[in-house]
Amino acid sequence: MQKKISNLPFKGTPEQEAQLMAVIEKHKSDPGAVMPVLQEAQDIYGYLPIEVQTMVAEGLSVPLEEVYGVSTFYSQFSLSPKGKYNISVCLGTACYVKGAGEIFDKLSEILGIGAEECTPDGKFSLTACRCIGACGLAPVITINDDVYGRLTVDQVEGILEKYKD
């Protein structure tokens, strides 16, 4: 699955940039520094937009293509921000055959976003994942740490209402 680049403008702060520069400086002379720097960069920003990848590449004096390659290869890295409420729909076999695809489509329709996107207000993000190990509850979604199982499309709007605050 190809990673999607953020649909929202980058909003890094000077404090975050200073933190990132300190991380880069700490790892500058380490061979193979791209991976640990990207891990810490994602901790700082929550994701790895191209602006952050560019700072990492320039700071470590490595090609941007190398940084982008690592960012897109490893599943632990995200190129788009997560919302306050990150909705993850399990599309593993058990969930998929019990209707998870339709649930994902309904969430996408209601929120107006696709996979790996975030609503413009930053409240919700939507992710498709593979088996989360709750096959007996299929189909399953998680919203942050909350798990919802044995779902139907008709339940989706009611669940989202709980997070409208």
N, C-alpha and C. Protein backbone atom coordinates (compact mmCIF):
# COMPACT_ATOMS: atom_id res chain seq x y z
N MET A 1 0.85 -1.17 0.00
CA MET A 1 0.00 0.00 0.00
C MET A 1 0.90 1.23 0.00
N GLN A 2 0.66 2.13 -0.93
CA GLN A 2 1.47 3.34 -1.04
C GLN A 2 1.03 4.34 0.03
N LYS A 3 1.97 5.01 0.65
CA LYS A 3 1.64 5.99 1.67
C LYS A 3 1.15 7.26 1.03
N LYS A 4 0.18 7.87 1.68
CA LYS A 4 -0.40 9.09 1.18
C LYS A 4 0.25 10.28 1.85
N ILE A 5 0.55 11.28 1.07
CA ILE A 5 1.13 12.50 1.59
C ILE A 5 0.01 13.37 2.14
N SER A 6 0.29 14.13 3.17
CA SER A 6 -0.70 14.92 3.87
C SER A 6 -1.47 15.86 2.95
N ASN A 7 -2.77 16.01 3.27
CA ASN A 7 -3.61 16.96 2.57
C ASN A 7 -3.72 18.28 3.34
N LEU A 8 -2.99 18.41 4.44
CA LEU A 8 -3.03 19.62 5.25
C LEU A 8 -1.71 20.37 5.18
N PRO A 9 -1.76 21.71 5.30
CA PRO A 9 -0.50 22.46 5.28
C PRO A 9 0.35 22.17 6.52
N PHE A 10 1.66 22.21 6.36
CA PHE A 10 2.60 21.97 7.45
C PHE A 10 2.54 23.11 8.45
N LYS A 11 2.46 22.77 9.74
CA LYS A 11 2.36 23.79 10.79
C LYS A 11 3.40 23.58 11.88
N GLY A 12 4.65 23.39 11.48
CA GLY A 12 5.71 23.21 12.47
C GLY A 12 5.99 24.50 13.21
N THR A 13 6.43 24.37 14.46
CA THR A 13 6.75 25.54 15.28
C THR A 13 8.27 25.72 15.36
N PRO A 14 8.73 26.92 15.72
CA PRO A 14 10.17 27.12 15.92
C PRO A 14 10.73 26.20 17.01
N GLU A 15 9.92 25.90 18.03
CA GLU A 15 10.36 25.01 19.11
C GLU A 15 10.59 23.59 18.57
N GLN A 16 9.68 23.13 17.72
CA GLN A 16 9.84 21.80 17.13
C GLN A 16 11.09 21.76 16.26
N GLU A 17 11.29 22.81 15.48
CA GLU A 17 12.47 22.84 14.61
C GLU A 17 13.75 22.83 15.44
N ALA A 18 13.77 23.56 16.55
CA ALA A 18 14.95 23.57 17.43
C ALA A 18 15.19 22.17 18.01
N GLN A 19 14.12 21.48 18.40
CA GLN A 19 14.26 20.11 18.90
C GLN A 19 14.85 19.21 17.82
N LEU A 20 14.33 19.33 16.59
CA LEU A 20 14.81 18.50 15.50
C LEU A 20 16.29 18.78 15.21
N MET A 21 16.67 20.04 15.21
CA MET A 21 18.07 20.39 14.95
C MET A 21 18.99 19.80 16.03
N ALA A 22 18.52 19.77 17.27
CA ALA A 22 19.31 19.17 18.35
C ALA A 22 19.46 17.66 18.13
N VAL A 23 18.41 17.02 17.68
CA VAL A 23 18.45 15.58 17.38
C VAL A 23 19.43 15.31 16.25
N ILE A 24 19.35 16.11 15.19
CA ILE A 24 20.25 15.95 14.04
C ILE A 24 21.70 16.12 14.48
N GLU A 25 21.93 17.15 15.28
CA GLU A 25 23.30 17.41 15.76
C GLU A 25 23.83 16.23 16.58
N LYS A 26 22.97 15.66 17.40
CA LYS A 26 23.35 14.53 18.25
C LYS A 26 23.75 13.30 17.42
N HIS A 27 23.11 13.12 16.26
CA HIS A 27 23.34 11.92 15.44
C HIS A 27 24.19 12.18 14.19
N LYS A 28 24.60 13.42 14.00
CA LYS A 28 25.25 13.82 12.75
C LYS A 28 26.42 12.93 12.32
N SER A 29 27.22 12.48 13.27
CA SER A 29 28.40 11.69 12.90
C SER A 29 28.16 10.18 12.97
N ASP A 30 26.93 9.77 13.30
CA ASP A 30 26.62 8.34 13.38
C ASP A 30 26.35 7.77 11.99
N PRO A 31 26.98 6.65 11.65
CA PRO A 31 26.60 6.00 10.39
C PRO A 31 25.18 5.44 10.54
N GLY A 32 24.40 5.54 9.51
CA GLY A 32 23.02 5.05 9.57
C GLY A 32 22.11 5.90 10.44
N ALA A 33 22.38 7.20 10.49
CA ALA A 33 21.63 8.10 11.38
C ALA A 33 20.21 8.39 10.90
N VAL A 34 19.92 8.14 9.62
CA VAL A 34 18.60 8.53 9.08
C VAL A 34 17.47 7.91 9.89
N MET A 35 17.55 6.61 10.13
CA MET A 35 16.46 5.92 10.83
C MET A 35 16.22 6.49 12.23
N PRO A 36 17.21 6.57 13.11
CA PRO A 36 16.94 7.11 14.44
C PRO A 36 16.50 8.57 14.42
N VAL A 37 17.04 9.36 13.49
CA VAL A 37 16.62 10.77 13.41
C VAL A 37 15.16 10.85 12.97
N LEU A 38 14.76 10.04 12.01
CA LEU A 38 13.36 10.05 11.58
C LEU A 38 12.42 9.59 12.70
N GLN A 39 12.87 8.61 13.49
CA GLN A 39 12.05 8.17 14.62
C GLN A 39 11.82 9.31 15.60
N GLU A 40 12.89 10.03 15.91
CA GLU A 40 12.76 11.15 16.85
C GLU A 40 12.00 12.31 16.22
N ALA A 41 12.19 12.52 14.92
CA ALA A 41 11.45 13.58 14.22
C ALA A 41 9.95 13.30 14.27
N GLN A 42 9.57 12.05 14.08
CA GLN A 42 8.14 11.71 14.14
C GLN A 42 7.60 11.90 15.55
N ASP A 43 8.42 11.61 16.56
CA ASP A 43 8.00 11.88 17.94
C ASP A 43 7.77 13.37 18.15
N ILE A 44 8.57 14.21 17.54
CA ILE A 44 8.46 15.66 17.70
C ILE A 44 7.23 16.20 16.96
N TYR A 45 7.07 15.80 15.70
CA TYR A 45 6.02 16.37 14.85
C TYR A 45 4.76 15.53 14.76
N GLY A 46 4.85 14.24 15.10
CA GLY A 46 3.70 13.36 14.98
C GLY A 46 3.59 12.68 13.63
N TYR A 47 4.34 13.16 12.67
CA TYR A 47 4.39 12.59 11.32
C TYR A 47 5.59 13.16 10.61
N LEU A 48 5.84 12.75 9.35
CA LEU A 48 7.04 13.18 8.62
C LEU A 48 6.67 13.87 7.31
N PRO A 49 6.24 15.12 7.39
CA PRO A 49 5.95 15.84 6.14
C PRO A 49 7.25 16.10 5.37
N ILE A 50 7.13 16.44 4.12
CA ILE A 50 8.31 16.66 3.27
C ILE A 50 9.20 17.76 3.84
N GLU A 51 8.62 18.73 4.51
CA GLU A 51 9.42 19.81 5.11
C GLU A 51 10.37 19.25 6.17
N VAL A 52 9.89 18.31 6.97
CA VAL A 52 10.73 17.69 8.00
C VAL A 52 11.77 16.78 7.35
N GLN A 53 11.35 16.02 6.35
CA GLN A 53 12.30 15.16 5.65
C GLN A 53 13.42 15.98 5.03
N THR A 54 13.09 17.14 4.50
CA THR A 54 14.10 18.03 3.90
C THR A 54 15.09 18.52 4.95
N MET A 55 14.57 18.89 6.13
CA MET A 55 15.47 19.34 7.20
C MET A 55 16.41 18.21 7.63
N VAL A 56 15.88 17.00 7.70
CA VAL A 56 16.70 15.84 8.08
C VAL A 56 17.78 15.60 7.03
N ALA A 57 17.38 15.61 5.76
CA ALA A 57 18.34 15.37 4.67
C ALA A 57 19.46 16.41 4.67
N GLU A 58 19.07 17.68 4.77
CA GLU A 58 20.08 18.74 4.77
C GLU A 58 20.95 18.68 6.01
N GLY A 59 20.34 18.42 7.17
CA GLY A 59 21.09 18.36 8.42
C GLY A 59 22.08 17.22 8.48
N LEU A 60 21.71 16.09 7.88
CA LEU A 60 22.60 14.92 7.89
C LEU A 60 23.47 14.84 6.64
N SER A 61 23.29 15.79 5.71
CA SER A 61 24.03 15.81 4.44
C SER A 61 23.86 14.50 3.66
N VAL A 62 22.59 14.06 3.59
CA VAL A 62 22.25 12.88 2.78
C VAL A 62 21.21 13.31 1.76
N PRO A 63 21.09 12.58 0.66
CA PRO A 63 20.09 12.95 -0.34
C PRO A 63 18.67 12.84 0.21
N LEU A 64 17.82 13.77 -0.18
CA LEU A 64 16.42 13.74 0.21
C LEU A 64 15.77 12.42 -0.21
N GLU A 65 16.21 11.88 -1.35
CA GLU A 65 15.66 10.61 -1.83
C GLU A 65 15.88 9.48 -0.83
N GLU A 66 17.03 9.50 -0.16
CA GLU A 66 17.31 8.48 0.85
C GLU A 66 16.37 8.61 2.04
N VAL A 67 16.18 9.83 2.50
CA VAL A 67 15.29 10.08 3.63
C VAL A 67 13.86 9.70 3.26
N TYR A 68 13.42 10.10 2.08
CA TYR A 68 12.08 9.77 1.60
C TYR A 68 11.91 8.25 1.46
N GLY A 69 12.94 7.59 0.97
CA GLY A 69 12.89 6.14 0.81
C GLY A 69 12.69 5.43 2.14
N VAL A 70 13.39 5.86 3.17
CA VAL A 70 13.24 5.28 4.50
C VAL A 70 11.85 5.62 5.06
N SER A 71 11.41 6.87 4.86
CA SER A 71 10.11 7.31 5.37
C SER A 71 8.96 6.53 4.78
N THR A 72 9.08 6.17 3.52
CA THR A 72 7.99 5.47 2.85
C THR A 72 8.10 3.96 2.96
N PHE A 73 9.28 3.44 3.23
CA PHE A 73 9.47 1.99 3.29
C PHE A 73 8.94 1.39 4.59
N TYR A 74 9.23 2.03 5.70
CA TYR A 74 8.89 1.46 7.00
C TYR A 74 7.49 1.88 7.45
N SER A 75 6.69 0.89 7.85
CA SER A 75 5.29 1.15 8.20
C SER A 75 5.15 1.99 9.47
N GLN A 76 6.19 2.08 10.29
CA GLN A 76 6.10 2.88 11.52
C GLN A 76 6.04 4.37 11.23
N PHE A 77 6.42 4.77 10.02
CA PHE A 77 6.43 6.19 9.69
C PHE A 77 5.16 6.59 8.96
N SER A 78 4.69 7.79 9.28
CA SER A 78 3.50 8.33 8.64
C SER A 78 3.85 9.64 7.94
N LEU A 79 3.36 9.81 6.72
CA LEU A 79 3.59 11.05 5.97
C LEU A 79 2.45 12.03 6.16
N SER A 80 1.42 11.62 6.87
CA SER A 80 0.30 12.52 7.10
C SER A 80 -0.01 12.57 8.59
N PRO A 81 -0.51 13.72 9.06
CA PRO A 81 -0.78 13.86 10.49
C PRO A 81 -1.95 12.99 10.93
N LYS A 82 -1.96 12.64 12.18
CA LYS A 82 -3.08 11.92 12.76
C LYS A 82 -3.99 12.96 13.43
N GLY A 83 -5.28 12.71 13.36
CA GLY A 83 -6.23 13.60 14.00
C GLY A 83 -6.26 13.37 15.50
N LYS A 84 -6.98 14.24 16.19
CA LYS A 84 -7.18 14.05 17.63
C LYS A 84 -7.77 12.67 17.87
N TYR A 85 -8.65 12.24 16.96
CA TYR A 85 -9.23 10.90 17.01
C TYR A 85 -8.81 10.15 15.76
N ASN A 86 -7.92 9.19 15.93
CA ASN A 86 -7.45 8.38 14.80
C ASN A 86 -8.32 7.14 14.69
N ILE A 87 -9.05 7.06 13.59
CA ILE A 87 -9.94 5.92 13.36
C ILE A 87 -9.21 4.92 12.48
N SER A 88 -9.11 3.70 12.96
CA SER A 88 -8.45 2.64 12.21
C SER A 88 -9.46 1.53 11.96
N VAL A 89 -9.66 1.22 10.69
CA VAL A 89 -10.60 0.18 10.29
C VAL A 89 -9.81 -1.07 9.93
N CYS A 90 -10.10 -2.17 10.62
CA CYS A 90 -9.43 -3.43 10.31
C CYS A 90 -9.98 -3.98 9.00
N LEU A 91 -9.09 -4.20 8.04
CA LEU A 91 -9.48 -4.78 6.76
C LEU A 91 -8.87 -6.16 6.58
N GLY A 92 -8.54 -6.80 7.72
CA GLY A 92 -8.08 -8.19 7.67
C GLY A 92 -9.20 -9.07 7.14
N THR A 93 -8.89 -10.29 6.82
CA THR A 93 -9.85 -11.18 6.15
C THR A 93 -11.18 -11.30 6.90
N ALA A 94 -11.14 -11.63 8.19
CA ALA A 94 -12.39 -11.82 8.94
C ALA A 94 -13.24 -10.56 8.94
N CYS A 95 -12.62 -9.42 9.18
CA CYS A 95 -13.36 -8.16 9.20
C CYS A 95 -13.87 -7.80 7.81
N TYR A 96 -13.03 -8.02 6.81
CA TYR A 96 -13.42 -7.63 5.45
C TYR A 96 -14.63 -8.43 4.97
N VAL A 97 -14.63 -9.74 5.20
CA VAL A 97 -15.75 -10.55 4.72
C VAL A 97 -17.04 -10.25 5.49
N LYS A 98 -16.92 -9.62 6.66
CA LYS A 98 -18.11 -9.27 7.44
C LYS A 98 -18.51 -7.81 7.27
N GLY A 99 -17.93 -7.12 6.26
CA GLY A 99 -18.41 -5.80 5.92
C GLY A 99 -17.54 -4.61 6.29
N ALA A 100 -16.28 -4.83 6.66
CA ALA A 100 -15.41 -3.72 7.04
C ALA A 100 -15.20 -2.73 5.89
N GLY A 101 -15.19 -3.21 4.66
CA GLY A 101 -15.03 -2.32 3.51
C GLY A 101 -16.14 -1.29 3.43
N GLU A 102 -17.37 -1.73 3.68
CA GLU A 102 -18.52 -0.82 3.66
C GLU A 102 -18.45 0.17 4.83
N ILE A 103 -17.97 -0.30 5.98
CA ILE A 103 -17.82 0.58 7.14
C ILE A 103 -16.77 1.64 6.84
N PHE A 104 -15.65 1.21 6.24
CA PHE A 104 -14.62 2.17 5.86
C PHE A 104 -15.20 3.22 4.90
N ASP A 105 -15.95 2.76 3.89
CA ASP A 105 -16.55 3.68 2.92
C ASP A 105 -17.50 4.67 3.58
N LYS A 106 -18.28 4.21 4.55
CA LYS A 106 -19.22 5.09 5.26
C LYS A 106 -18.47 6.14 6.07
N LEU A 107 -17.42 5.71 6.78
CA LEU A 107 -16.60 6.67 7.53
C LEU A 107 -15.99 7.71 6.59
N SER A 108 -15.48 7.25 5.47
CA SER A 108 -14.88 8.14 4.48
C SER A 108 -15.91 9.16 3.97
N GLU A 109 -17.11 8.68 3.70
CA GLU A 109 -18.18 9.56 3.21
C GLU A 109 -18.57 10.61 4.26
N ILE A 110 -18.77 10.17 5.50
CA ILE A 110 -19.19 11.08 6.57
C ILE A 110 -18.11 12.13 6.86
N LEU A 111 -16.86 11.67 6.94
CA LEU A 111 -15.76 12.58 7.30
C LEU A 111 -15.23 13.39 6.12
N GLY A 112 -15.52 12.93 4.91
CA GLY A 112 -15.03 13.65 3.72
C GLY A 112 -13.55 13.47 3.48
N ILE A 113 -12.99 12.36 3.97
CA ILE A 113 -11.57 12.08 3.78
C ILE A 113 -11.39 10.62 3.35
N GLY A 114 -10.22 10.33 2.80
CA GLY A 114 -9.89 8.96 2.43
C GLY A 114 -8.86 8.39 3.38
N ALA A 115 -8.32 7.24 3.00
CA ALA A 115 -7.31 6.57 3.82
C ALA A 115 -6.08 7.45 3.99
N GLU A 116 -5.55 7.45 5.19
CA GLU A 116 -4.34 8.21 5.54
C GLU A 116 -4.53 9.71 5.38
N GLU A 117 -5.75 10.18 5.55
CA GLU A 117 -6.02 11.62 5.51
C GLU A 117 -6.57 12.07 6.86
N CYS A 118 -6.55 13.37 7.03
CA CYS A 118 -7.01 14.00 8.27
C CYS A 118 -8.02 15.08 7.89
N THR A 119 -9.08 15.22 8.68
CA THR A 119 -10.05 16.26 8.41
C THR A 119 -9.38 17.63 8.55
N PRO A 120 -9.84 18.63 7.80
CA PRO A 120 -9.19 19.95 7.85
C PRO A 120 -9.11 20.55 9.25
N ASP A 121 -10.06 20.21 10.13
CA ASP A 121 -10.02 20.75 11.50
C ASP A 121 -9.09 19.96 12.42
N GLY A 122 -8.47 18.88 11.88
CA GLY A 122 -7.53 18.09 12.66
C GLY A 122 -8.19 17.17 13.68
N LYS A 123 -9.51 17.05 13.63
CA LYS A 123 -10.21 16.24 14.62
C LYS A 123 -10.13 14.74 14.34
N PHE A 124 -10.32 14.33 13.08
CA PHE A 124 -10.35 12.91 12.74
C PHE A 124 -9.34 12.57 11.66
N SER A 125 -8.72 11.40 11.79
CA SER A 125 -7.93 10.83 10.71
C SER A 125 -8.45 9.41 10.49
N LEU A 126 -8.24 8.91 9.28
CA LEU A 126 -8.78 7.62 8.90
C LEU A 126 -7.67 6.74 8.34
N THR A 127 -7.56 5.55 8.89
CA THR A 127 -6.52 4.61 8.49
C THR A 127 -7.14 3.24 8.25
N ALA A 128 -6.64 2.54 7.25
CA ALA A 128 -7.00 1.15 7.04
C ALA A 128 -5.84 0.32 7.56
N CYS A 129 -6.14 -0.72 8.34
CA CYS A 129 -5.06 -1.56 8.85
C CYS A 129 -5.38 -3.02 8.56
N ARG A 130 -4.41 -3.86 8.78
CA ARG A 130 -4.61 -5.30 8.65
C ARG A 130 -4.94 -5.86 10.02
N CYS A 131 -5.12 -7.12 10.13
CA CYS A 131 -5.64 -7.79 11.32
C CYS A 131 -5.11 -7.21 12.63
N ILE A 132 -6.05 -6.88 13.53
CA ILE A 132 -5.66 -6.38 14.85
C ILE A 132 -5.83 -7.46 15.92
N GLY A 133 -6.21 -8.67 15.50
CA GLY A 133 -6.31 -9.78 16.44
C GLY A 133 -7.63 -9.85 17.18
N ALA A 134 -8.65 -9.19 16.67
CA ALA A 134 -9.97 -9.25 17.31
C ALA A 134 -10.98 -9.87 16.34
N CYS A 135 -10.57 -10.93 15.68
CA CYS A 135 -11.37 -11.56 14.63
C CYS A 135 -12.75 -12.00 15.11
N GLY A 136 -12.85 -12.40 16.37
CA GLY A 136 -14.13 -12.82 16.92
C GLY A 136 -15.12 -11.68 17.03
N LEU A 137 -14.64 -10.44 16.95
CA LEU A 137 -15.51 -9.26 17.03
C LEU A 137 -15.74 -8.62 15.66
N ALA A 138 -15.32 -9.28 14.60
CA ALA A 138 -15.38 -8.71 13.26
C ALA A 138 -16.79 -8.25 12.88
N PRO A 139 -16.86 -7.13 12.15
CA PRO A 139 -15.80 -6.19 11.79
C PRO A 139 -15.50 -5.21 12.93
N VAL A 140 -14.25 -4.78 12.99
CA VAL A 140 -13.75 -3.98 14.11
C VAL A 140 -13.14 -2.67 13.63
N ILE A 141 -13.39 -1.59 14.40
CA ILE A 141 -12.65 -0.34 14.22
C ILE A 141 -12.11 0.06 15.59
N THR A 142 -11.04 0.83 15.56
CA THR A 142 -10.55 1.45 16.79
C THR A 142 -10.57 2.96 16.59
N ILE A 143 -10.89 3.67 17.65
CA ILE A 143 -10.77 5.12 17.67
C ILE A 143 -9.88 5.41 18.86
N ASN A 144 -8.64 5.78 18.56
CA ASN A 144 -7.58 5.86 19.57
C ASN A 144 -7.53 4.52 20.30
N ASP A 145 -7.82 4.48 21.59
CA ASP A 145 -7.73 3.22 22.34
C ASP A 145 -9.08 2.52 22.50
N ASP A 146 -10.14 3.10 21.95
CA ASP A 146 -11.48 2.49 22.05
C ASP A 146 -11.68 1.50 20.91
N VAL A 147 -12.21 0.32 21.23
CA VAL A 147 -12.45 -0.73 20.24
C VAL A 147 -13.95 -0.92 20.07
N TYR A 148 -14.40 -0.96 18.82
CA TYR A 148 -15.80 -1.19 18.50
C TYR A 148 -15.88 -2.42 17.60
N GLY A 149 -16.64 -3.42 18.03
CA GLY A 149 -16.73 -4.65 17.26
C GLY A 149 -18.15 -5.02 16.89
N ARG A 150 -18.25 -6.01 16.01
CA ARG A 150 -19.53 -6.49 15.48
C ARG A 150 -20.34 -5.32 14.93
N LEU A 151 -19.67 -4.49 14.17
CA LEU A 151 -20.29 -3.26 13.66
C LEU A 151 -21.13 -3.49 12.42
N THR A 152 -22.07 -2.58 12.25
CA THR A 152 -22.81 -2.47 11.00
C THR A 152 -22.66 -1.04 10.51
N VAL A 153 -22.89 -0.83 9.25
CA VAL A 153 -22.79 0.52 8.67
C VAL A 153 -23.72 1.48 9.40
N ASP A 154 -24.88 1.00 9.83
CA ASP A 154 -25.87 1.86 10.50
C ASP A 154 -25.37 2.41 11.84
N GLN A 155 -24.37 1.79 12.44
CA GLN A 155 -23.86 2.23 13.74
C GLN A 155 -22.78 3.32 13.63
N VAL A 156 -22.25 3.52 12.45
CA VAL A 156 -21.09 4.40 12.28
C VAL A 156 -21.38 5.84 12.73
N GLU A 157 -22.48 6.41 12.29
CA GLU A 157 -22.77 7.81 12.66
C GLU A 157 -22.92 7.98 14.16
N GLY A 158 -23.58 7.04 14.84
CA GLY A 158 -23.75 7.12 16.28
C GLY A 158 -22.42 7.06 17.02
N ILE A 159 -21.53 6.22 16.54
CA ILE A 159 -20.20 6.13 17.16
C ILE A 159 -19.45 7.45 17.00
N LEU A 160 -19.48 8.02 15.81
CA LEU A 160 -18.78 9.30 15.59
C LEU A 160 -19.33 10.41 16.45
N GLU A 161 -20.62 10.38 16.73
CA GLU A 161 -21.25 11.42 17.57
C GLU A 161 -20.59 11.52 18.93
N LYS A 162 -20.10 10.38 19.45
CA LYS A 162 -19.45 10.38 20.77
C LYS A 162 -18.18 11.22 20.78
N TYR A 163 -17.61 11.48 19.59
CA TYR A 163 -16.32 12.17 19.50
C TYR A 163 -16.45 13.58 18.94
N LYS A 164 -17.65 14.08 18.82
CA LYS A 164 -17.85 15.41 18.19
C LYS A 164 -17.45 16.55 19.11
N ASP A 165 -17.40 16.33 20.41
CA ASP A 165 -17.14 17.37 21.41
C ASP A 165 -16.95 18.68 20.79
